[in-house]
Amino acid sequence: MHCMNIGLIGVGVMGEPMAKNLKKAGHKVTVHSRTVGRCDALLPLGIEVVETPGQVFEASDAVVIMVPSHLEVDQVLGRSSEGAIAAPVRDKTVILMATVAPAYSQGLAASLAAAGARYVEAPVSGSRQPAELGQLVILASAAEQEYIDDVQPLFDAIGKKTVRCGAVPTAMRMKLANQLLLIACFEAISEATHFAAGIGLDVQQFLDMAQAGPLANDVLRSKVAKLVTDDFAQQAPIRHVAKDIGLVCDEAAQRGVWLPIALANRSLFSEAMLAGQSQDDAIGIIKILRRGR
């Protein structure tokens, strides 16, 4: 396997297990996190921790950016309102794995090209557990397919499949379509569980039945124990879900596509954010359902 000098900026729910899997695969890994102490568990593994994003770029040939939103992406890159990039990205491959608006990603591609960098748009499908297992699905777009070829060993270390989507921002649009389906599943599982409890059913028995039926899937299986025990520790946190369903609805509105259930879910997850549930897992939406109207 071709070993690479890989940087990773953003050591959070997804970034930490991704960094571990990159190191396990034999790559040289350099990381940076804005949160003090977030990288402590990575140091004993031989992963280099640096103080600034610029140091990550200087130490790496390819840099993964895995931060919450476009605002943090611009901060990491030192990108101005005019699109100029201050970070030392020339001759580097910048891989954006955060979920952002397709129009933003398209603009970022132009900014990075002007700065002499190669850009790979590569949002991932999967939450904390698939990230830990190296079972993410990577959705990849770039101006040239060779940009993706060059970083395929990186993708192979963290994922089970790479879907090549064509030109930027097709991968980001694919991610939004996937998020629409996934978020609907989170809400439907939570709502069905809430309904089962509300009409007097044994919730465990209901969920066992669901897992044996035609709607059984990995999402349901990953949430059963959490729903039964009210375990809201984050796997796919509500703050990310709320952001992503907002991006879905914005993209749909721009293109004249009516998404009534997505709009309802945006309202529900926005309400959860206002209720202080940003750190909860997506199934924490059941708290909003329990409050009723």
Protein backbone atom coordinates (compact mmCIF):
# COMPACT_ATOMS: atom_id res chain seq x y z
CA MET A 1 0.00 0.00 0.00
CA HIS A 2 1.16 3.53 -0.78
CA CYS A 3 1.69 5.32 2.53
CA MET A 4 0.93 9.03 2.61
CA ASN A 5 1.58 12.11 4.73
CA ILE A 6 -1.98 12.94 5.75
CA GLY A 7 -3.27 15.85 7.76
CA LEU A 8 -6.63 15.99 9.50
CA ILE A 9 -8.20 19.16 10.83
CA GLY A 10 -11.19 18.61 13.11
CA VAL A 11 -10.86 15.88 15.75
CA GLY A 12 -14.46 15.36 16.81
CA VAL A 13 -17.10 12.65 16.68
CA MET A 14 -15.90 11.56 13.22
CA GLY A 15 -12.38 12.96 13.02
CA GLU A 16 -10.95 11.03 15.97
CA PRO A 17 -11.77 7.51 14.69
CA MET A 18 -10.77 8.53 11.17
CA ALA A 19 -7.35 9.63 12.42
CA LYS A 20 -6.91 6.33 14.27
CA ASN A 21 -7.79 4.30 11.18
CA LEU A 22 -5.44 6.32 8.99
CA LYS A 23 -2.60 5.66 11.43
CA LYS A 24 -3.54 1.98 11.70
CA ALA A 25 -3.28 1.71 7.91
CA GLY A 26 0.33 2.90 8.07
CA HIS A 27 -0.03 6.53 7.03
CA LYS A 28 1.84 9.38 8.72
CA VAL A 29 -0.90 11.43 10.37
CA THR A 30 -0.79 15.02 11.64
CA VAL A 31 -3.85 16.52 13.33
CA HIS A 32 -5.16 19.76 14.73
CA SER A 33 -8.22 20.51 16.84
CA ARG A 34 -9.55 23.81 18.09
CA THR A 35 -10.70 22.09 21.30
CA VAL A 36 -7.99 21.69 23.92
CA GLY A 37 -7.53 18.05 24.97
CA ARG A 38 -9.47 16.58 22.04
CA CYS A 39 -6.28 15.06 20.62
CA ASP A 40 -4.95 13.55 23.87
CA ALA A 41 -6.03 10.02 22.97
CA LEU A 42 -4.19 10.24 19.64
CA LEU A 43 -0.73 11.11 20.98
CA PRO A 44 0.09 7.60 22.35
CA LEU A 45 -0.68 6.16 18.89
CA GLY A 46 2.15 8.09 17.27
CA ILE A 47 -0.12 10.67 15.66
CA GLU A 48 1.47 14.11 15.57
CA VAL A 49 -0.59 16.89 17.14
CA VAL A 50 0.12 20.48 16.09
CA GLU A 51 -1.12 23.84 17.26
CA THR A 52 -2.34 25.45 14.03
CA PRO A 53 -4.02 24.43 10.76
CA GLY A 54 -1.05 25.92 8.89
CA GLN A 55 1.29 23.42 10.53
CA VAL A 56 -0.97 20.60 9.34
CA PHE A 57 -0.70 21.80 5.73
CA GLU A 58 3.08 22.19 6.00
CA ALA A 59 3.49 18.61 7.30
CA SER A 60 1.11 16.93 4.84
CA ASP A 61 0.58 16.17 1.18
CA ALA A 62 -3.17 15.70 1.59
CA VAL A 63 -5.30 17.36 4.27
CA VAL A 64 -8.75 16.25 5.36
CA ILE A 65 -11.00 19.00 6.71
CA MET A 66 -13.71 17.60 8.98
CA VAL A 67 -15.27 20.58 10.76
CA PRO A 68 -18.91 21.49 11.51
CA SER A 69 -19.70 24.00 8.76
CA HIS A 70 -18.46 26.31 6.01
CA LEU A 71 -17.63 28.96 8.62
CA GLU A 72 -14.97 26.73 10.19
CA VAL A 73 -13.72 25.69 6.74
CA ASP A 74 -13.07 29.35 5.90
CA GLN A 75 -11.32 29.83 9.25
CA VAL A 76 -9.09 26.80 8.70
CA LEU A 77 -8.10 28.00 5.23
CA GLY A 78 -7.86 31.67 6.12
CA ARG A 79 -10.31 32.29 3.28
CA SER A 80 -11.41 35.89 2.82
CA SER A 81 -14.85 37.11 1.77
CA GLU A 82 -13.39 37.56 -1.72
CA GLY A 83 -12.28 33.91 -1.79
CA ALA A 84 -8.52 34.38 -1.33
CA ILE A 85 -6.85 31.63 0.73
CA ALA A 86 -4.05 32.43 3.19
CA ALA A 87 -3.21 28.86 4.30
CA PRO A 88 -0.16 27.20 2.66
CA VAL A 89 -2.16 24.98 0.31
CA ARG A 90 -0.10 25.22 -2.89
CA ASP A 91 0.64 21.75 -4.32
CA LYS A 92 -1.48 20.14 -1.58
CA THR A 93 -4.66 18.11 -1.97
CA VAL A 94 -7.45 19.53 0.17
CA ILE A 95 -10.20 17.01 0.96
CA LEU A 96 -13.43 18.46 2.33
CA MET A 97 -15.37 15.83 4.26
CA ALA A 98 -17.69 18.25 6.02
CA THR A 99 -21.23 18.67 4.71
CA VAL A 100 -21.74 22.13 3.23
CA ALA A 101 -23.97 23.80 0.66
CA PRO A 102 -23.17 22.68 -2.91
CA ALA A 103 -22.78 26.29 -4.03
CA TYR A 104 -20.24 26.92 -1.27
CA SER A 105 -18.24 23.83 -2.27
CA GLN A 106 -18.21 24.98 -5.89
CA GLY A 107 -16.86 28.37 -4.85
CA LEU A 108 -14.27 26.72 -2.61
CA ALA A 109 -13.07 24.63 -5.55
CA ALA A 110 -12.39 27.82 -7.51
CA SER A 111 -10.58 29.42 -4.56
CA LEU A 112 -8.33 26.41 -4.03
CA ALA A 113 -7.53 26.10 -7.72
CA ALA A 114 -6.50 29.77 -7.75
CA ALA A 115 -4.25 29.07 -4.74
CA GLY A 116 -2.53 26.19 -6.56
CA ALA A 117 -4.18 23.35 -4.64
CA ARG A 118 -6.09 20.26 -5.75
CA TYR A 119 -9.59 19.96 -4.34
CA VAL A 120 -11.49 16.76 -3.62
CA GLU A 121 -15.05 17.12 -2.38
CA ALA A 122 -15.59 14.02 -0.25
CA PRO A 123 -18.47 14.05 2.24
CA VAL A 124 -19.04 10.74 3.98
CA SER A 125 -22.09 8.63 4.73
CA GLY A 126 -21.97 7.11 8.20
CA SER A 127 -21.84 8.13 11.84
CA ARG A 128 -19.51 7.43 14.77
CA GLN A 129 -19.77 3.63 14.76
CA PRO A 130 -19.03 3.14 11.02
CA ALA A 131 -16.19 5.64 11.39
CA GLU A 132 -14.70 3.54 14.20
CA LEU A 133 -14.98 0.40 12.08
CA GLY A 134 -13.55 2.00 8.94
CA GLN A 135 -16.87 1.36 7.21
CA LEU A 136 -17.76 4.82 5.95
CA VAL A 137 -19.01 5.42 2.41
CA ILE A 138 -17.07 8.21 0.73
CA LEU A 139 -18.77 10.33 -1.93
CA ALA A 140 -16.05 11.89 -4.07
CA SER A 141 -15.98 14.61 -6.72
CA ALA A 142 -13.07 16.49 -8.26
CA ALA A 143 -12.11 18.46 -11.35
CA GLU A 144 -9.85 15.58 -12.42
CA GLN A 145 -10.31 11.91 -11.53
CA GLU A 146 -6.58 11.61 -10.89
CA TYR A 147 -7.05 13.85 -7.84
CA ILE A 148 -9.23 11.08 -6.37
CA ASP A 149 -6.85 8.36 -7.56
CA ASP A 150 -4.04 10.03 -5.62
CA VAL A 151 -5.93 9.90 -2.32
CA GLN A 152 -7.68 6.56 -2.77
CA PRO A 153 -5.38 4.89 -0.17
CA LEU A 154 -6.67 7.45 2.34
CA PHE A 155 -10.28 6.64 1.46
CA ASP A 156 -9.57 2.89 1.67
CA ALA A 157 -8.27 3.33 5.23
CA ILE A 158 -11.47 4.92 6.53
CA GLY A 159 -14.20 3.55 4.27
CA LYS A 160 -15.67 0.44 2.72
CA LYS A 161 -16.68 2.08 -0.57
CA THR A 162 -15.83 5.17 -2.59
CA VAL A 163 -18.56 6.44 -4.89
CA ARG A 164 -17.14 8.65 -7.63
CA CYS A 165 -19.83 11.19 -8.41
CA GLY A 166 -18.27 13.28 -11.17
CA ALA A 167 -17.62 17.00 -11.05
CA VAL A 168 -17.92 19.24 -7.97
CA PRO A 169 -20.47 19.76 -6.39
CA THR A 170 -22.18 16.48 -7.35
CA ALA A 171 -20.82 14.59 -4.33
CA MET A 172 -22.21 17.25 -1.99
CA ARG A 173 -25.61 17.03 -3.66
CA MET A 174 -25.46 13.24 -3.34
CA LYS A 175 -24.69 13.65 0.36
CA LEU A 176 -27.70 15.92 0.85
CA ALA A 177 -30.00 13.39 -0.85
CA ASN A 178 -28.58 10.70 1.43
CA GLN A 179 -29.04 12.91 4.50
CA LEU A 180 -32.68 13.50 3.57
CA LEU A 181 -33.26 9.73 3.65
CA LEU A 182 -31.19 9.17 6.80
CA ILE A 183 -32.78 11.98 8.79
CA ALA A 184 -36.25 10.78 7.81
CA CYS A 185 -35.24 7.36 9.20
CA PHE A 186 -34.04 8.86 12.49
CA GLU A 187 -37.30 10.74 12.91
CA ALA A 188 -39.52 7.83 11.82
CA ILE A 189 -37.83 5.38 14.20
CA SER A 190 -38.15 7.86 17.07
CA GLU A 191 -41.77 8.70 16.23
CA ALA A 192 -42.80 5.05 15.86
CA THR A 193 -41.21 4.25 19.23
CA HIS A 194 -43.00 7.21 20.79
CA PHE A 195 -46.28 6.02 19.26
CA ALA A 196 -45.76 2.44 20.46
CA ALA A 197 -45.17 3.62 24.01
CA GLY A 198 -48.11 6.02 23.83
CA ILE A 199 -50.59 3.29 22.88
CA GLY A 200 -49.38 0.94 25.59
CA LEU A 201 -47.13 -1.44 23.68
CA ASP A 202 -43.99 -3.02 25.11
CA VAL A 203 -41.34 -0.87 23.38
CA GLN A 204 -38.68 -3.57 23.41
CA GLN A 205 -41.10 -6.07 21.87
CA PHE A 206 -42.10 -3.54 19.22
CA LEU A 207 -38.50 -2.83 18.28
CA ASP A 208 -37.62 -6.54 18.24
CA MET A 209 -40.53 -7.09 15.86
CA ALA A 210 -39.38 -4.22 13.65
CA GLN A 211 -35.88 -5.68 13.46
CA ALA A 212 -37.33 -9.00 12.27
CA GLY A 213 -39.50 -7.37 9.60
CA PRO A 214 -38.96 -5.89 6.14
CA LEU A 215 -37.85 -2.49 7.48
CA ALA A 216 -34.90 -3.87 9.46
CA ASN A 217 -31.72 -1.95 8.66
CA ASP A 218 -28.45 -0.84 10.22
CA VAL A 219 -29.91 2.49 11.33
CA LEU A 220 -32.70 0.78 13.26
CA ARG A 221 -30.33 -1.79 14.76
CA SER A 222 -27.96 0.93 15.96
CA LYS A 223 -30.76 2.81 17.74
CA VAL A 224 -32.78 0.05 19.45
CA ALA A 225 -30.79 -0.17 22.69
CA LYS A 226 -30.54 3.62 22.84
CA LEU A 227 -34.30 4.07 22.47
CA VAL A 228 -35.13 1.42 25.06
CA THR A 229 -32.81 2.95 27.66
CA ASP A 230 -33.17 6.65 26.73
CA ASP A 231 -29.48 6.77 25.86
CA PHE A 232 -29.03 10.04 23.99
CA ALA A 233 -25.21 10.01 23.81
CA GLN A 234 -24.30 11.34 20.40
CA GLN A 235 -23.57 9.17 17.39
CA ALA A 236 -25.20 11.46 14.82
CA PRO A 237 -25.66 14.61 16.94
CA ILE A 238 -28.73 16.79 16.61
CA ARG A 239 -26.59 19.87 15.83
CA HIS A 240 -25.30 18.14 12.68
CA VAL A 241 -28.72 16.80 11.73
CA ALA A 242 -30.31 20.24 12.10
CA LYS A 243 -27.61 21.81 9.91
CA ASP A 244 -27.88 19.13 7.23
CA ILE A 245 -31.67 19.14 6.96
CA GLY A 246 -31.45 22.92 6.64
CA LEU A 247 -29.01 22.52 3.75
CA VAL A 248 -31.36 20.00 2.11
CA CYS A 249 -34.32 22.36 2.36
CA ASP A 250 -32.31 25.33 1.08
CA GLU A 251 -31.05 23.39 -1.94
CA ALA A 252 -34.57 22.13 -2.67
CA ALA A 253 -35.99 25.67 -2.46
CA GLN A 254 -33.33 26.99 -4.86
CA ARG A 255 -34.27 24.31 -7.38
CA GLY A 256 -38.03 24.44 -6.92
CA VAL A 257 -38.33 20.96 -5.37
CA TRP A 258 -41.09 20.53 -2.77
CA LEU A 259 -40.05 18.43 0.25
CA PRO A 260 -42.88 18.49 2.83
CA ILE A 261 -41.42 15.89 5.20
CA ALA A 262 -37.97 17.49 5.08
CA LEU A 263 -39.56 20.82 5.99
CA ALA A 264 -41.35 19.19 8.93
CA ASN A 265 -38.10 17.60 10.08
CA ARG A 266 -36.27 20.91 9.81
CA SER A 267 -38.87 22.37 12.14
CA LEU A 268 -38.60 19.47 14.62
CA PHE A 269 -34.79 19.46 14.78
CA SER A 270 -34.70 23.26 15.01
CA GLU A 271 -37.03 22.97 18.00
CA ALA A 272 -34.66 20.43 19.57
CA MET A 273 -31.76 22.85 19.09
CA LEU A 274 -33.73 25.62 20.79
CA ALA A 275 -34.44 23.19 23.63
CA GLY A 276 -30.71 22.80 24.24
CA GLN A 277 -30.32 19.34 22.69
CA SER A 278 -27.42 20.09 20.33
CA GLN A 279 -25.26 17.43 22.00
CA ASP A 280 -27.94 14.71 21.92
CA ASP A 281 -28.02 11.93 19.36
CA ALA A 282 -30.60 12.30 16.59
CA ILE A 283 -33.04 10.03 18.45
CA GLY A 284 -33.18 12.73 21.11
CA ILE A 285 -35.92 14.17 18.90
CA ILE A 286 -38.21 11.85 20.87
CA LYS A 287 -38.01 14.35 23.75
CA ILE A 288 -39.73 16.93 21.54
CA LEU A 289 -42.39 14.38 20.59
CA ARG A 290 -43.00 13.51 24.25
CA ARG A 291 -43.61 17.16 25.12
CA GLY A 292 -46.57 17.16 22.74
CA ARG A 293 -48.52 20.15 21.60
